[in-house]
Amino acid sequence: MASDETEPGEVIVELTRNGAYLKCAVIHVSTGVEASAIGPVTERAGLERIALGKLKRALAAR
């Protein structure tokens, strides 16, 4: 994790569209921990924010 505890460090963001829905998956590079969020295609930024929040919580629980 980065020195700033609010940022998870290096992550990979993957966006997959399926019709009207978009899946945003984020993977923490150094640990391989993954989190994802699914929602409407029009909410890309919101889905990224939610997925990153879920990743931060998953990393904090480790």
C-alpha atoms as a PDB file:
ATOM      1  CA  MET A   1       0.000   0.000   0.000  1.00  0.00           C
ATOM      2  CA  ALA A   2       1.149   3.543  -0.631  1.00  0.00           C
ATOM      3  CA  SER A   3       2.444   5.740   2.162  1.00  0.00           C
ATOM      4  CA  ASP A   4      -0.793   7.747   2.021  1.00  0.00           C
ATOM      5  CA  GLU A   5      -3.329   5.390   3.612  1.00  0.00           C
ATOM      6  CA  THR A   6      -6.214   6.877   1.605  1.00  0.00           C
ATOM      7  CA  GLU A   7      -4.742   5.662  -1.690  1.00  0.00           C
ATOM      8  CA  PRO A   8      -4.331   1.945  -2.466  1.00  0.00           C
ATOM      9  CA  GLY A   9      -1.251   2.395  -4.672  1.00  0.00           C
ATOM     10  CA  GLU A  10      -0.999   1.019  -8.201  1.00  0.00           C
ATOM     11  CA  VAL A  11      -4.235  -0.498  -9.498  1.00  0.00           C
ATOM     12  CA  ILE A  12      -5.501  -1.873 -12.795  1.00  0.00           C
ATOM     13  CA  VAL A  13      -8.979  -0.728 -13.862  1.00  0.00           C
ATOM     14  CA  GLU A  14     -10.979  -2.945 -16.220  1.00  0.00           C
ATOM     15  CA  LEU A  15     -14.295  -1.851 -17.725  1.00  0.00           C
ATOM     16  CA  THR A  16     -16.588  -4.399 -19.383  1.00  0.00           C
ATOM     17  CA  ARG A  17     -19.812  -3.423 -21.098  1.00  0.00           C
ATOM     18  CA  ASN A  18     -22.770  -5.784 -21.331  1.00  0.00           C
ATOM     19  CA  GLY A  19     -25.703  -4.033 -23.005  1.00  0.00           C
ATOM     20  CA  ALA A  20     -26.897  -1.167 -20.819  1.00  0.00           C
ATOM     21  CA  TYR A  21     -24.651  -2.246 -17.926  1.00  0.00           C
ATOM     22  CA  LEU A  22     -20.992  -1.657 -17.163  1.00  0.00           C
ATOM     23  CA  LYS A  23     -18.776  -3.650 -14.823  1.00  0.00           C
ATOM     24  CA  CYS A  24     -15.791  -1.875 -13.316  1.00  0.00           C
ATOM     25  CA  ALA A  25     -13.184  -4.152 -11.760  1.00  0.00           C
ATOM     26  CA  VAL A  26     -10.102  -2.812  -9.974  1.00  0.00           C
ATOM     27  CA  ILE A  27      -7.131  -5.005  -9.086  1.00  0.00           C
ATOM     28  CA  HIS A  28      -4.434  -4.024  -6.600  1.00  0.00           C
ATOM     29  CA  VAL A  29      -1.187  -4.785  -8.423  1.00  0.00           C
ATOM     30  CA  SER A  30       1.021  -5.772  -5.492  1.00  0.00           C
ATOM     31  CA  THR A  31      -1.506  -8.053  -3.735  1.00  0.00           C
ATOM     32  CA  GLY A  32      -3.860  -9.211  -6.505  1.00  0.00           C
ATOM     33  CA  VAL A  33      -6.917  -8.229  -4.449  1.00  0.00           C
ATOM     34  CA  GLU A  34      -9.893  -7.405  -6.706  1.00  0.00           C
ATOM     35  CA  ALA A  35     -13.116  -5.477  -6.189  1.00  0.00           C
ATOM     36  CA  SER A  36     -15.866  -4.626  -8.653  1.00  0.00           C
ATOM     37  CA  ALA A  37     -19.043  -2.630  -9.127  1.00  0.00           C
ATOM     38  CA  ILE A  38     -21.834  -2.983 -11.697  1.00  0.00           C
ATOM     39  CA  GLY A  39     -24.218  -0.280 -12.857  1.00  0.00           C
ATOM     40  CA  PRO A  40     -25.490   1.709 -15.821  1.00  0.00           C
ATOM     41  CA  VAL A  41     -23.104   2.567 -18.654  1.00  0.00           C
ATOM     42  CA  THR A  42     -23.704   6.276 -18.029  1.00  0.00           C
ATOM     43  CA  GLU A  43     -22.142   6.109 -14.544  1.00  0.00           C
ATOM     44  CA  ARG A  44     -18.544   5.177 -15.368  1.00  0.00           C
ATOM     45  CA  ALA A  45     -16.906   7.603 -12.919  1.00  0.00           C
ATOM     46  CA  GLY A  46     -19.263   6.593 -10.121  1.00  0.00           C
ATOM     47  CA  LEU A  47     -18.598   2.900 -10.701  1.00  0.00           C
ATOM     48  CA  GLU A  48     -14.840   3.492 -10.580  1.00  0.00           C
ATOM     49  CA  ARG A  49     -15.234   5.424  -7.313  1.00  0.00           C
ATOM     50  CA  ILE A  50     -17.362   2.651  -5.771  1.00  0.00           C
ATOM     51  CA  ALA A  51     -14.996  -0.118  -6.900  1.00  0.00           C
ATOM     52  CA  LEU A  52     -11.976   1.765  -5.506  1.00  0.00           C
ATOM     53  CA  GLY A  53     -13.783   2.257  -2.196  1.00  0.00           C
ATOM     54  CA  LYS A  54     -14.546  -1.457  -2.026  1.00  0.00           C
ATOM     55  CA  LEU A  55     -10.891  -2.241  -2.804  1.00  0.00           C
ATOM     56  CA  LYS A  56      -9.677   0.084  -0.026  1.00  0.00           C
ATOM     57  CA  ARG A  57     -11.990  -1.642   2.467  1.00  0.00           C
ATOM     58  CA  ALA A  58     -10.821  -5.082   1.317  1.00  0.00           C
ATOM     59  CA  LEU A  59      -7.185  -4.078   1.728  1.00  0.00           C
ATOM     60  CA  ALA A  60      -7.824  -2.570   5.164  1.00  0.00           C
ATOM     61  CA  ALA A  61      -9.434  -5.830   6.300  1.00  0.00           C
ATOM     62  CA  ARG A  62      -6.295  -7.811   5.452  1.00  0.00           C
END
